[in-house]
N, C-alpha and C. Protein backbone atom coordinates (compact mmCIF):
# COMPACT_ATOMS: atom_id res chain seq x y z
N MET A 1 -20.27 -8.04 -4.23
CA MET A 1 -18.95 -8.69 -4.36
C MET A 1 -17.96 -8.05 -3.42
N PRO A 2 -17.12 -8.95 -2.80
CA PRO A 2 -16.14 -8.41 -1.87
C PRO A 2 -15.08 -7.52 -2.62
N LEU A 3 -14.51 -6.61 -1.86
CA LEU A 3 -13.46 -5.71 -2.36
C LEU A 3 -12.15 -6.09 -1.71
N TYR A 4 -11.10 -6.23 -2.59
CA TYR A 4 -9.80 -6.70 -2.13
C TYR A 4 -8.70 -5.68 -2.62
N PHE A 5 -7.52 -5.72 -2.07
CA PHE A 5 -6.37 -5.17 -2.69
C PHE A 5 -5.14 -5.85 -2.13
N LEU A 6 -4.02 -5.68 -2.90
CA LEU A 6 -2.73 -6.33 -2.51
C LEU A 6 -1.72 -5.29 -2.07
N ALA A 7 -1.00 -5.57 -1.00
CA ALA A 7 -0.06 -4.58 -0.52
C ALA A 7 1.05 -5.25 0.30
N ILE A 8 2.14 -4.48 0.40
CA ILE A 8 3.22 -4.81 1.34
C ILE A 8 2.94 -4.12 2.63
N ILE A 9 2.91 -4.81 3.72
CA ILE A 9 2.67 -4.15 5.01
C ILE A 9 3.98 -4.15 5.81
N PRO A 10 4.50 -3.04 6.19
CA PRO A 10 5.75 -2.97 6.99
C PRO A 10 5.67 -3.76 8.29
N PRO A 11 6.79 -4.10 8.86
CA PRO A 11 6.80 -4.74 10.18
C PRO A 11 6.12 -3.86 11.24
N GLU A 12 5.67 -4.52 12.34
CA GLU A 12 4.88 -3.80 13.31
C GLU A 12 5.53 -2.53 13.87
N GLU A 13 6.81 -2.55 14.20
CA GLU A 13 7.44 -1.35 14.77
C GLU A 13 7.42 -0.17 13.74
N ILE A 14 7.68 -0.43 12.53
CA ILE A 14 7.63 0.63 11.49
C ILE A 14 6.16 1.06 11.31
N SER A 15 5.25 0.12 11.30
CA SER A 15 3.86 0.46 11.15
C SER A 15 3.37 1.39 12.28
N LYS A 16 3.86 1.14 13.50
CA LYS A 16 3.46 2.01 14.63
C LYS A 16 4.01 3.40 14.42
N ARG A 17 5.26 3.53 13.96
CA ARG A 17 5.81 4.87 13.63
C ARG A 17 4.97 5.62 12.66
N ILE A 18 4.57 4.88 11.60
CA ILE A 18 3.76 5.48 10.48
C ILE A 18 2.40 5.88 11.02
N LYS A 19 1.77 5.00 11.89
CA LYS A 19 0.48 5.34 12.40
C LYS A 19 0.51 6.58 13.26
N SER A 20 1.61 6.80 14.00
CA SER A 20 1.71 7.97 14.86
C SER A 20 1.78 9.21 13.94
N LEU A 21 2.39 9.12 12.78
CA LEU A 21 2.40 10.29 11.84
C LEU A 21 0.99 10.54 11.30
N LYS A 22 0.30 9.45 10.95
CA LYS A 22 -1.08 9.64 10.51
C LYS A 22 -2.02 10.26 11.60
N LEU A 23 -1.77 9.81 12.81
CA LEU A 23 -2.59 10.40 13.93
C LEU A 23 -2.22 11.84 14.11
N GLU A 24 -0.98 12.21 14.01
CA GLU A 24 -0.55 13.58 14.11
C GLU A 24 -1.23 14.44 13.03
N ILE A 25 -1.27 13.98 11.81
CA ILE A 25 -1.88 14.70 10.70
C ILE A 25 -3.40 14.80 10.97
N ALA A 26 -4.03 13.75 11.42
CA ALA A 26 -5.46 13.77 11.74
C ALA A 26 -5.77 14.82 12.81
N LYS A 27 -4.93 14.85 13.85
CA LYS A 27 -5.17 15.74 14.96
C LYS A 27 -4.88 17.21 14.60
N LYS A 28 -3.78 17.47 13.87
CA LYS A 28 -3.40 18.83 13.54
C LYS A 28 -4.17 19.40 12.32
N TYR A 29 -4.41 18.50 11.34
CA TYR A 29 -4.94 19.05 10.05
C TYR A 29 -6.30 18.39 9.64
N GLY A 30 -6.82 17.52 10.47
CA GLY A 30 -8.14 17.00 10.17
C GLY A 30 -8.22 15.89 9.13
N ALA A 31 -7.14 15.41 8.57
CA ALA A 31 -7.18 14.38 7.56
C ALA A 31 -7.08 12.99 8.23
N LYS A 32 -8.24 12.28 8.19
CA LYS A 32 -8.31 11.00 8.90
C LYS A 32 -8.43 9.78 8.03
N HIS A 33 -8.65 9.99 6.74
CA HIS A 33 -8.96 8.91 5.82
C HIS A 33 -7.82 7.85 5.85
N ALA A 34 -6.53 8.26 5.87
CA ALA A 34 -5.40 7.32 5.86
C ALA A 34 -5.43 6.38 7.04
N LEU A 35 -6.10 6.73 8.11
CA LEU A 35 -6.17 5.87 9.31
C LEU A 35 -7.06 4.68 9.06
N LYS A 36 -7.86 4.69 8.00
CA LYS A 36 -8.76 3.58 7.70
C LYS A 36 -8.02 2.35 7.10
N LEU A 37 -6.75 2.59 6.79
CA LEU A 37 -5.95 1.55 6.23
C LEU A 37 -4.68 1.34 7.02
N PRO A 38 -4.17 0.07 7.13
CA PRO A 38 -2.88 -0.08 7.78
C PRO A 38 -1.79 0.54 6.90
N ALA A 39 -0.66 0.90 7.46
CA ALA A 39 0.45 1.38 6.70
C ALA A 39 0.77 0.33 5.62
N HIS A 40 0.93 0.75 4.36
CA HIS A 40 1.09 -0.20 3.29
C HIS A 40 1.75 0.45 2.07
N ILE A 41 2.22 -0.44 1.18
CA ILE A 41 2.69 -0.06 -0.16
C ILE A 41 1.77 -0.83 -1.09
N THR A 42 1.02 -0.15 -1.89
CA THR A 42 0.04 -0.77 -2.77
C THR A 42 0.75 -1.55 -3.90
N LEU A 43 0.32 -2.83 -4.13
CA LEU A 43 0.81 -3.61 -5.27
C LEU A 43 -0.33 -3.78 -6.26
N GLN A 44 -1.55 -3.80 -5.81
CA GLN A 44 -2.72 -3.94 -6.69
C GLN A 44 -3.82 -3.13 -6.09
N ILE A 45 -4.32 -2.10 -6.84
CA ILE A 45 -5.38 -1.22 -6.32
C ILE A 45 -6.65 -2.09 -6.08
N PRO A 46 -7.63 -1.52 -5.29
CA PRO A 46 -8.80 -2.28 -4.97
C PRO A 46 -9.51 -2.84 -6.20
N PHE A 47 -9.97 -4.10 -6.02
CA PHE A 47 -10.65 -4.78 -7.14
C PHE A 47 -11.73 -5.68 -6.54
N LYS A 48 -12.75 -6.03 -7.33
CA LYS A 48 -13.84 -6.89 -6.92
C LYS A 48 -13.74 -8.19 -7.72
N ILE A 49 -13.94 -9.27 -7.00
CA ILE A 49 -14.14 -10.56 -7.69
C ILE A 49 -15.25 -11.28 -6.88
N PRO A 50 -15.94 -12.16 -7.56
CA PRO A 50 -17.02 -12.93 -6.83
C PRO A 50 -16.38 -13.75 -5.70
N GLU A 51 -17.09 -13.83 -4.60
CA GLU A 51 -16.60 -14.62 -3.43
C GLU A 51 -16.26 -16.07 -3.78
N THR A 52 -16.93 -16.58 -4.86
CA THR A 52 -16.66 -17.97 -5.30
C THR A 52 -15.30 -18.06 -5.93
N GLU A 53 -14.69 -16.92 -6.32
CA GLU A 53 -13.35 -16.93 -6.96
C GLU A 53 -12.21 -16.74 -5.97
N GLU A 54 -12.60 -16.50 -4.66
CA GLU A 54 -11.61 -16.16 -3.64
C GLU A 54 -10.58 -17.29 -3.49
N GLY A 55 -10.98 -18.54 -3.48
CA GLY A 55 -10.02 -19.67 -3.34
C GLY A 55 -9.02 -19.65 -4.50
N LYS A 56 -9.52 -19.45 -5.65
CA LYS A 56 -8.61 -19.40 -6.85
C LYS A 56 -7.64 -18.26 -6.71
N LEU A 57 -8.09 -17.07 -6.20
CA LEU A 57 -7.24 -15.91 -6.00
C LEU A 57 -6.15 -16.30 -4.97
N ILE A 58 -6.52 -16.87 -3.85
CA ILE A 58 -5.55 -17.23 -2.81
C ILE A 58 -4.51 -18.28 -3.35
N ASP A 59 -5.01 -19.25 -4.09
CA ASP A 59 -4.12 -20.29 -4.64
C ASP A 59 -3.11 -19.66 -5.60
N SER A 60 -3.60 -18.77 -6.51
CA SER A 60 -2.67 -18.17 -7.46
C SER A 60 -1.65 -17.25 -6.81
N LEU A 61 -2.11 -16.50 -5.75
CA LEU A 61 -1.14 -15.62 -5.08
C LEU A 61 -0.12 -16.41 -4.22
N LYS A 62 -0.57 -17.52 -3.63
CA LYS A 62 0.35 -18.39 -2.85
C LYS A 62 1.43 -18.97 -3.78
N SER A 63 0.98 -19.47 -4.92
CA SER A 63 1.91 -20.05 -5.92
C SER A 63 2.91 -18.96 -6.39
N PHE A 64 2.41 -17.80 -6.69
CA PHE A 64 3.25 -16.72 -7.09
C PHE A 64 4.29 -16.38 -6.04
N ALA A 65 3.86 -16.17 -4.82
CA ALA A 65 4.71 -15.76 -3.71
C ALA A 65 5.82 -16.79 -3.51
N GLU A 66 5.49 -18.03 -3.64
CA GLU A 66 6.51 -19.10 -3.42
C GLU A 66 7.68 -19.06 -4.39
N ASN A 67 7.49 -18.30 -5.44
CA ASN A 67 8.57 -18.14 -6.47
C ASN A 67 9.32 -16.77 -6.36
N GLN A 68 9.01 -16.05 -5.25
CA GLN A 68 9.72 -14.78 -5.09
C GLN A 68 10.78 -14.87 -4.05
N LYS A 69 11.75 -13.98 -4.15
CA LYS A 69 12.85 -13.90 -3.19
C LYS A 69 12.70 -12.61 -2.42
N SER A 70 13.09 -12.60 -1.15
CA SER A 70 13.00 -11.37 -0.31
C SER A 70 13.97 -10.37 -0.83
N PHE A 71 13.70 -9.10 -0.51
CA PHE A 71 14.62 -7.99 -0.97
C PHE A 71 14.52 -6.87 0.07
N PRO A 72 15.62 -6.04 0.16
CA PRO A 72 15.59 -4.95 1.11
C PRO A 72 14.84 -3.73 0.60
N LEU A 73 14.30 -2.97 1.57
CA LEU A 73 13.59 -1.75 1.17
C LEU A 73 13.94 -0.65 2.18
N ASN A 74 14.22 0.52 1.62
CA ASN A 74 14.56 1.70 2.42
C ASN A 74 13.46 2.77 2.35
N LEU A 75 13.04 3.27 3.48
CA LEU A 75 12.08 4.37 3.58
C LEU A 75 12.89 5.63 3.89
N LYS A 76 12.68 6.70 3.15
CA LYS A 76 13.48 7.92 3.39
C LYS A 76 12.66 9.17 3.17
N ASP A 77 12.41 9.91 4.26
CA ASP A 77 11.83 11.22 4.20
C ASP A 77 10.41 11.20 3.56
N PHE A 78 9.98 12.38 3.10
CA PHE A 78 8.57 12.54 2.70
C PHE A 78 8.50 13.09 1.26
N GLY A 79 7.37 12.84 0.61
CA GLY A 79 7.07 13.34 -0.70
C GLY A 79 5.64 13.74 -0.80
N ARG A 80 5.19 14.21 -1.98
CA ARG A 80 3.84 14.56 -2.19
C ARG A 80 3.46 14.32 -3.62
N PHE A 81 2.15 14.16 -3.84
CA PHE A 81 1.57 14.15 -5.16
C PHE A 81 0.70 15.41 -5.22
N GLY A 82 1.13 16.39 -6.03
CA GLY A 82 0.36 17.62 -6.15
C GLY A 82 0.00 18.28 -4.85
N GLN A 83 -1.23 18.67 -4.68
CA GLN A 83 -1.69 19.30 -3.48
C GLN A 83 -2.68 18.42 -2.75
N LYS A 84 -2.51 17.09 -2.89
CA LYS A 84 -3.51 16.14 -2.41
C LYS A 84 -2.94 15.09 -1.45
N VAL A 85 -1.75 14.56 -1.77
CA VAL A 85 -1.25 13.39 -0.99
C VAL A 85 0.12 13.72 -0.41
N ILE A 86 0.34 13.31 0.81
CA ILE A 86 1.66 13.33 1.48
C ILE A 86 1.95 11.92 1.82
N PHE A 87 3.23 11.54 1.60
CA PHE A 87 3.62 10.16 1.76
C PHE A 87 5.10 10.02 2.19
N ILE A 88 5.45 8.82 2.59
CA ILE A 88 6.84 8.46 2.90
C ILE A 88 7.44 7.90 1.64
N ASN A 89 8.61 8.39 1.30
CA ASN A 89 9.30 7.99 0.13
C ASN A 89 9.92 6.60 0.29
N ILE A 90 9.95 5.85 -0.81
CA ILE A 90 10.66 4.57 -0.90
C ILE A 90 11.84 4.74 -1.80
N GLU A 91 13.03 4.50 -1.34
CA GLU A 91 14.25 4.78 -2.15
C GLU A 91 14.49 3.75 -3.28
N ASN A 92 14.61 2.53 -2.92
CA ASN A 92 14.96 1.50 -3.94
C ASN A 92 13.73 0.74 -4.32
N HIS A 93 12.96 1.30 -5.24
CA HIS A 93 11.69 0.64 -5.55
C HIS A 93 11.59 -0.19 -6.80
N LYS A 94 12.68 -0.44 -7.42
CA LYS A 94 12.69 -1.27 -8.66
C LYS A 94 12.05 -2.62 -8.46
N GLU A 95 12.42 -3.26 -7.34
CA GLU A 95 11.90 -4.64 -7.04
C GLU A 95 10.37 -4.60 -6.89
N ILE A 96 9.87 -3.49 -6.25
CA ILE A 96 8.42 -3.37 -6.03
C ILE A 96 7.73 -3.20 -7.38
N ILE A 97 8.33 -2.41 -8.25
CA ILE A 97 7.71 -2.18 -9.58
C ILE A 97 7.66 -3.49 -10.33
N ASN A 98 8.73 -4.31 -10.20
CA ASN A 98 8.71 -5.64 -10.86
C ASN A 98 7.65 -6.55 -10.31
N LEU A 99 7.55 -6.53 -8.93
CA LEU A 99 6.55 -7.35 -8.27
C LEU A 99 5.14 -6.94 -8.73
N HIS A 100 4.86 -5.66 -8.79
CA HIS A 100 3.60 -5.13 -9.24
C HIS A 100 3.30 -5.58 -10.65
N ALA A 101 4.25 -5.46 -11.58
CA ALA A 101 4.03 -5.88 -12.97
C ALA A 101 3.69 -7.33 -13.09
N GLU A 102 4.39 -8.19 -12.32
CA GLU A 102 4.12 -9.65 -12.36
C GLU A 102 2.74 -9.95 -11.77
N LEU A 103 2.37 -9.25 -10.71
CA LEU A 103 1.05 -9.45 -10.15
C LEU A 103 -0.06 -8.99 -11.08
N GLN A 104 0.21 -7.91 -11.83
CA GLN A 104 -0.79 -7.42 -12.85
C GLN A 104 -1.04 -8.54 -13.91
N GLN A 105 0.06 -9.21 -14.31
CA GLN A 105 -0.10 -10.29 -15.32
C GLN A 105 -0.91 -11.40 -14.78
N ILE A 106 -0.70 -11.79 -13.54
CA ILE A 106 -1.46 -12.85 -12.91
C ILE A 106 -2.95 -12.45 -12.86
N SER A 107 -3.19 -11.21 -12.38
CA SER A 107 -4.58 -10.71 -12.25
C SER A 107 -5.31 -10.75 -13.60
N MET A 108 -4.60 -10.28 -14.64
CA MET A 108 -5.22 -10.22 -15.96
C MET A 108 -5.48 -11.63 -16.53
N LYS A 109 -4.55 -12.57 -16.25
CA LYS A 109 -4.68 -13.92 -16.77
C LYS A 109 -5.80 -14.73 -16.08
N HIS A 110 -5.91 -14.58 -14.77
CA HIS A 110 -6.86 -15.41 -14.01
C HIS A 110 -8.18 -14.79 -13.67
N PHE A 111 -8.25 -13.43 -13.71
CA PHE A 111 -9.45 -12.74 -13.31
C PHE A 111 -9.78 -11.62 -14.27
N SER A 112 -11.08 -11.44 -14.46
CA SER A 112 -11.47 -10.34 -15.37
C SER A 112 -11.65 -9.05 -14.64
N LEU A 113 -10.53 -8.38 -14.34
CA LEU A 113 -10.64 -7.12 -13.64
C LEU A 113 -11.06 -6.05 -14.57
N LYS A 114 -11.81 -5.11 -14.08
CA LYS A 114 -12.22 -3.94 -14.89
C LYS A 114 -11.01 -3.04 -15.11
N LYS A 115 -11.13 -2.19 -16.17
CA LYS A 115 -10.01 -1.31 -16.51
C LYS A 115 -9.60 -0.42 -15.33
N HIS A 116 -10.60 0.11 -14.56
CA HIS A 116 -10.30 0.97 -13.47
C HIS A 116 -9.73 0.24 -12.26
N GLU A 117 -9.62 -1.10 -12.33
CA GLU A 117 -9.03 -1.92 -11.28
C GLU A 117 -7.58 -2.30 -11.55
N THR A 118 -7.06 -1.84 -12.63
CA THR A 118 -5.66 -2.15 -12.98
C THR A 118 -4.94 -0.80 -13.24
N PHE A 119 -3.63 -0.85 -13.13
CA PHE A 119 -2.86 0.30 -13.50
C PHE A 119 -1.44 -0.20 -13.84
N SER A 120 -0.84 0.33 -14.90
CA SER A 120 0.42 -0.16 -15.37
C SER A 120 1.62 0.47 -14.71
N LYS A 121 1.49 1.70 -14.27
CA LYS A 121 2.61 2.44 -13.65
C LYS A 121 2.31 2.67 -12.21
N ILE A 122 3.31 2.45 -11.36
CA ILE A 122 3.14 2.79 -9.92
C ILE A 122 4.29 3.62 -9.46
N HIS A 123 4.05 4.35 -8.40
CA HIS A 123 5.09 5.15 -7.75
C HIS A 123 5.02 4.65 -6.27
N PRO A 124 5.84 3.62 -5.94
CA PRO A 124 5.72 3.07 -4.60
C PRO A 124 5.93 4.10 -3.50
N HIS A 125 5.03 4.09 -2.52
CA HIS A 125 5.05 5.04 -1.43
C HIS A 125 4.17 4.54 -0.27
N ILE A 126 4.25 5.17 0.89
CA ILE A 126 3.35 4.90 1.97
C ILE A 126 2.57 6.17 2.30
N THR A 127 1.26 6.16 2.06
CA THR A 127 0.42 7.38 2.22
C THR A 127 0.22 7.72 3.66
N LEU A 128 0.38 8.99 3.96
CA LEU A 128 0.12 9.53 5.30
C LEU A 128 -1.20 10.33 5.33
N ALA A 129 -1.46 11.07 4.23
CA ALA A 129 -2.68 11.87 4.12
C ALA A 129 -3.07 11.89 2.65
N SER A 130 -4.32 11.83 2.42
CA SER A 130 -4.80 11.84 1.05
C SER A 130 -6.12 12.53 0.82
N ARG A 131 -7.13 11.82 0.36
CA ARG A 131 -8.32 12.41 -0.16
C ARG A 131 -9.07 13.40 0.78
N ASP A 132 -8.91 13.29 2.08
CA ASP A 132 -9.67 14.19 2.96
C ASP A 132 -8.73 15.31 3.53
N LEU A 133 -7.58 15.47 3.00
CA LEU A 133 -6.65 16.55 3.38
C LEU A 133 -7.18 17.79 2.60
N HIS A 134 -7.78 18.70 3.26
CA HIS A 134 -8.42 19.87 2.66
C HIS A 134 -7.37 20.71 1.98
N HIS A 135 -7.70 21.22 0.77
CA HIS A 135 -6.73 22.00 -0.06
C HIS A 135 -6.21 23.21 0.73
N LYS A 136 -6.98 23.75 1.67
CA LYS A 136 -6.50 24.90 2.45
C LYS A 136 -5.48 24.41 3.53
N GLN A 137 -5.56 23.19 3.90
CA GLN A 137 -4.64 22.63 4.94
C GLN A 137 -3.38 22.06 4.33
N PHE A 138 -3.43 21.76 3.05
CA PHE A 138 -2.31 21.08 2.40
C PHE A 138 -1.00 21.89 2.59
N PRO A 139 -0.99 23.17 2.25
CA PRO A 139 0.33 23.93 2.36
C PRO A 139 0.89 23.88 3.77
N LYS A 140 0.07 23.97 4.80
CA LYS A 140 0.55 23.90 6.20
C LYS A 140 1.09 22.51 6.48
N THR A 141 0.38 21.50 6.07
CA THR A 141 0.78 20.11 6.37
C THR A 141 2.10 19.83 5.63
N TRP A 142 2.21 20.18 4.33
CA TRP A 142 3.41 19.94 3.61
C TRP A 142 4.60 20.74 4.15
N ALA A 143 4.35 21.96 4.59
CA ALA A 143 5.43 22.78 5.22
C ALA A 143 5.94 22.08 6.51
N ASP A 144 5.03 21.43 7.17
CA ASP A 144 5.40 20.67 8.40
C ASP A 144 6.26 19.45 8.12
N PHE A 145 6.01 18.76 6.94
CA PHE A 145 6.66 17.56 6.69
C PHE A 145 7.81 17.60 5.69
N LYS A 146 7.86 18.59 4.81
CA LYS A 146 8.84 18.56 3.73
C LYS A 146 10.33 18.61 4.17
N THR A 147 10.55 19.19 5.33
CA THR A 147 11.96 19.26 5.83
C THR A 147 12.22 18.22 6.91
N ARG A 148 11.25 17.52 7.35
CA ARG A 148 11.44 16.49 8.34
C ARG A 148 12.23 15.31 7.77
N GLU A 149 12.84 14.62 8.66
CA GLU A 149 13.59 13.40 8.26
C GLU A 149 12.84 12.15 8.78
N PHE A 150 12.89 11.14 7.96
CA PHE A 150 12.30 9.82 8.31
C PHE A 150 13.15 8.80 7.64
N SER A 151 13.64 7.83 8.38
CA SER A 151 14.47 6.80 7.83
C SER A 151 14.22 5.49 8.50
N ASP A 152 14.04 4.46 7.70
CA ASP A 152 13.87 3.10 8.22
C ASP A 152 14.07 2.15 7.07
N SER A 153 14.30 0.90 7.42
CA SER A 153 14.40 -0.14 6.34
C SER A 153 13.91 -1.50 6.90
N PHE A 154 13.57 -2.30 5.97
CA PHE A 154 13.15 -3.67 6.30
C PHE A 154 13.26 -4.57 5.09
N SER A 155 13.16 -5.84 5.34
CA SER A 155 13.23 -6.84 4.24
C SER A 155 11.82 -7.25 3.83
N ILE A 156 11.56 -7.15 2.53
CA ILE A 156 10.25 -7.58 2.06
C ILE A 156 10.29 -9.09 1.89
N GLU A 157 9.47 -9.82 2.70
CA GLU A 157 9.50 -11.23 2.67
C GLU A 157 8.11 -11.79 2.34
N ASN A 158 7.13 -10.93 2.21
CA ASN A 158 5.81 -11.35 1.91
C ASN A 158 4.96 -10.18 1.43
N PHE A 159 3.73 -10.43 0.97
CA PHE A 159 2.76 -9.39 0.72
C PHE A 159 1.44 -9.87 1.22
N SER A 160 0.47 -8.96 1.33
CA SER A 160 -0.79 -9.29 1.92
C SER A 160 -1.97 -9.05 0.98
N LEU A 161 -2.99 -9.86 1.13
CA LEU A 161 -4.32 -9.64 0.57
C LEU A 161 -5.15 -8.97 1.61
N LEU A 162 -5.66 -7.78 1.29
CA LEU A 162 -6.52 -7.09 2.20
C LEU A 162 -7.97 -7.16 1.73
N LYS A 163 -8.88 -7.21 2.66
CA LYS A 163 -10.33 -7.33 2.30
C LYS A 163 -11.10 -6.30 3.07
N HIS A 164 -12.06 -5.69 2.37
CA HIS A 164 -12.83 -4.59 2.97
C HIS A 164 -14.05 -5.18 3.63
N ASP A 165 -14.43 -4.72 4.86
CA ASP A 165 -15.59 -5.25 5.56
C ASP A 165 -16.82 -4.32 5.44
N GLY A 166 -16.72 -3.33 4.56
CA GLY A 166 -17.85 -2.36 4.43
C GLY A 166 -17.51 -1.06 5.17
N LYS A 167 -16.55 -1.10 6.08
CA LYS A 167 -16.13 0.11 6.78
C LYS A 167 -14.61 0.35 6.68
N ILE A 168 -13.85 -0.68 6.94
CA ILE A 168 -12.38 -0.53 6.89
C ILE A 168 -11.75 -1.78 6.27
N TRP A 169 -10.45 -1.65 5.95
CA TRP A 169 -9.69 -2.74 5.39
C TRP A 169 -9.02 -3.58 6.47
N HIS A 170 -8.95 -4.86 6.22
CA HIS A 170 -8.29 -5.78 7.13
C HIS A 170 -7.29 -6.61 6.39
N ALA A 171 -6.11 -6.85 6.98
CA ALA A 171 -5.18 -7.78 6.39
C ALA A 171 -5.85 -9.15 6.46
N TYR A 172 -6.05 -9.80 5.37
CA TYR A 172 -6.87 -11.00 5.31
C TYR A 172 -6.00 -12.25 5.21
N ARG A 173 -4.94 -12.18 4.39
CA ARG A 173 -4.05 -13.34 4.15
C ARG A 173 -2.69 -12.86 3.75
N ASP A 174 -1.64 -13.48 4.30
CA ASP A 174 -0.24 -13.15 3.93
C ASP A 174 0.31 -14.22 3.06
N PHE A 175 1.13 -13.83 2.09
CA PHE A 175 1.75 -14.75 1.17
C PHE A 175 3.23 -14.57 1.28
N HIS A 176 3.90 -15.62 1.84
CA HIS A 176 5.31 -15.53 2.12
C HIS A 176 6.17 -16.00 0.94
N PHE A 177 7.28 -15.28 0.76
CA PHE A 177 8.26 -15.61 -0.33
C PHE A 177 9.05 -16.79 0.08
N ASN A 178 9.61 -17.41 -0.99
CA ASN A 178 10.52 -18.50 -0.77
C ASN A 178 11.83 -17.93 -0.30
N GLN A 179 12.19 -18.18 0.96
CA GLN A 179 13.47 -17.61 1.46
C GLN A 179 14.62 -18.41 0.94
């Protein structure tokens, strides 16, 4: 069964800035896993549905997106989860939390996702380093980023369905909001 997830993908210029930070971390600290994914804010963690259900998934997401309005988003500096993940902070994330909650309802209503494929609480962020950042490298990496500044903003006007090809994730389909 194919593997999918839903995310907000920043505009190309911001994505390039984020990719350069990921590349810096990969070069200096050996953490390369985050490079397997485009810069993104997760709305729905990876899930599997039968390929025969893909059309239904796309139709329900398209219909959902058409009822959404765009909203501004600010990226500001860096944060971490424990000694494992370094990320870019999202300042005004209430709208993303609402979007996530509504998408969870659609997923539960139309598709039988497994318990490990859903989550009720999210902390919106853009990951720079995660599962392969060695615990011995984490303190150095965090010391490098915790006082750095990063600031950018953009308007959320769509979200994307990503599909895994067996090696990496690809943006598969975009769903545009009703402007």
